Amino acid sequence: MRYLLWGDIVSGIRFLESSDQDLVGGEAADHRWVILVSIIARKIIHLFSKPMEFTGYVVDFFLNLISQNGSIFGLLHNLLHGDVVIPKRGTETFVSSIGHLDERVDLYQGKKLVEDLHNSASGEGVRKVELDDRATMDLWMMASKLAYENAEVIRNVVVHRWKTHFVDFYNCWDDYQKEKSTQVFMLCDKPKDANLILISFRGTEPFDADDWCTDFDYSWYEIPKLGKIHMGFLEALGLGNREDTATFHYLLQKKRTKHTYSEAAEDILPEMVEMTAYYLVRQKLKSLLEEHKNAKYIVTGHSLGGALAILFPIVLVLHEEMKLVQKLLGVYTFGQPRVGNRQLGRFMEAHLDQPVPKYFRVVYCNDLVPRLPYDDKTFLYKHFGVCLYYNSCYLEQIMDEEPNKNDFGITHLIMEHLNAVWELIRSLTMGFTHGPKYKEGWFSIFLRILGLAMPGIAAHCPTDYVNSVRLGKLCTIQMSSY
């Protein structure tokens, strides 16, 4: 309280750390309300971590219990006849709460898309397919949504529904959280002579307190000549631990020696590197590109997964992995939060905008997450890349920044709630106006009702992103060609 109300820096230094002591006495004093809000929010979330975990366990089990028994009435029928189907976690039939919000798994024009990829030669088909933006964007979005599922669900959908080649699923280590909390999967369009490799990072799980703590963490790590990067996202990718900031320095430099990190870092780094998302994916990607000479790769993700998706090529550039960078076809993110400052964006634009844009951020209407952390003199975070913005009528606009970038203003707040009413009405009629594939279930409609109070959170769900890609105007932007 002394630090917040009277700017008592001595009190603040007790819980603030920085490599630049002038920063603690300068920016930290000016921005102390931001720091306190971030710290308090994360402590409150951490306080409720066990109740959130238990709630998620119950919700997931209940949703799967209903779906695997047909319906509520089917469950009652089976209960009376002693024939209830009990869901088993980790199986190909156990779907996440995100999967129950939007039960669609088949691709938009999936058969045609896969045939074009399979029939292509020397990468020519990839160029042809990428011009059909609606179908390819749908693949990126559906892969981002599928990343929320367990390995068996992903394998089943990739192989049997999409008719593509499942490469692997990784459950990766976050050394700060001391658990495997980062998930990512990879696929190829076909097992031999593949033209496309897809990497999809999992986003924020609704009942995972650690994920939400990462989203509300505004700490950053500054890399000379590159810029400031969100520290929580770096940790999720496996590139350091704030308890020993020397680990960031060690892992983010191209050439590492034993003298570049502390004794504490030396103890954890070998094991950490073997289990972390960045190094596991990079190693597998190298072997896949060696095996499939004509292949290029896409990186995608929703929410937190989107942040990790764009950080992956950023670190590749930082490590001067230029062979991998040249093979990058594009980065597509959906509902992605900001990952760094303006300097970082300017640095990466030189690598992601030539010869044509490769990085696209898809933002739906009033989604709160792409507007965090705030873009102002206090938070210092800035978006970069091409923004594909969809309003609540699924009309697309191409812009540098989504409207109302910081979600401020009473007028906008009123419009958000009015729009949430429209989205609820729309959800009840989509099955009639657009066909059965767009009909929303009771769980999705329930979330829309909650969205009347929290419209920015409800707008973050994958349902509207899938609808935006499938119902929005056809994009005119071309991705990289060769």
Foldseek 3Di string as FASTA:
>chain_A
DCCVPVVPLVVVVVPDDDPDPVCSSPLCSVQVVLVVVLVVVLVVLVVCLVVLVVVQVVVQQVLLQQVVLPHPVSQVVCVVVVNGDGDDPQALSRWGPLCQQAVDQAFDCLVVLLVLQVPDDLLPSVQVSLQQVLRVVRVQLSQQSLQVGHPNNSCCSVCPRNVWAWDDKAQFDQVQVGGRDKIKTKTFSYDALTAEIEIYTHAQRPSHSLRVSLLSQLDWDADPLQFTWRPSLCSLQLQDYVVFRLSNVQRLAQDHDPPSGDPVCVVCVVVSLVGGNLNVVVVVVVVVCVRNVSYAYEYEHAESRLLNSVVNVLSCVSNVVVVNLVRHQAYEYELYAFTGAPSNQVVCCVSQCPPHHRYEYEYEALAQRNLPPDCDPSSRTDDAGWYFYQYPVLETDIDGADPPSNQDDPVSVVVLLVVLVVSLVCQCCCCVPPHVSLRGDPSNSVLSVVCSVVVNNNSRRSSVVSCSSNVYDRDNGGIDDD
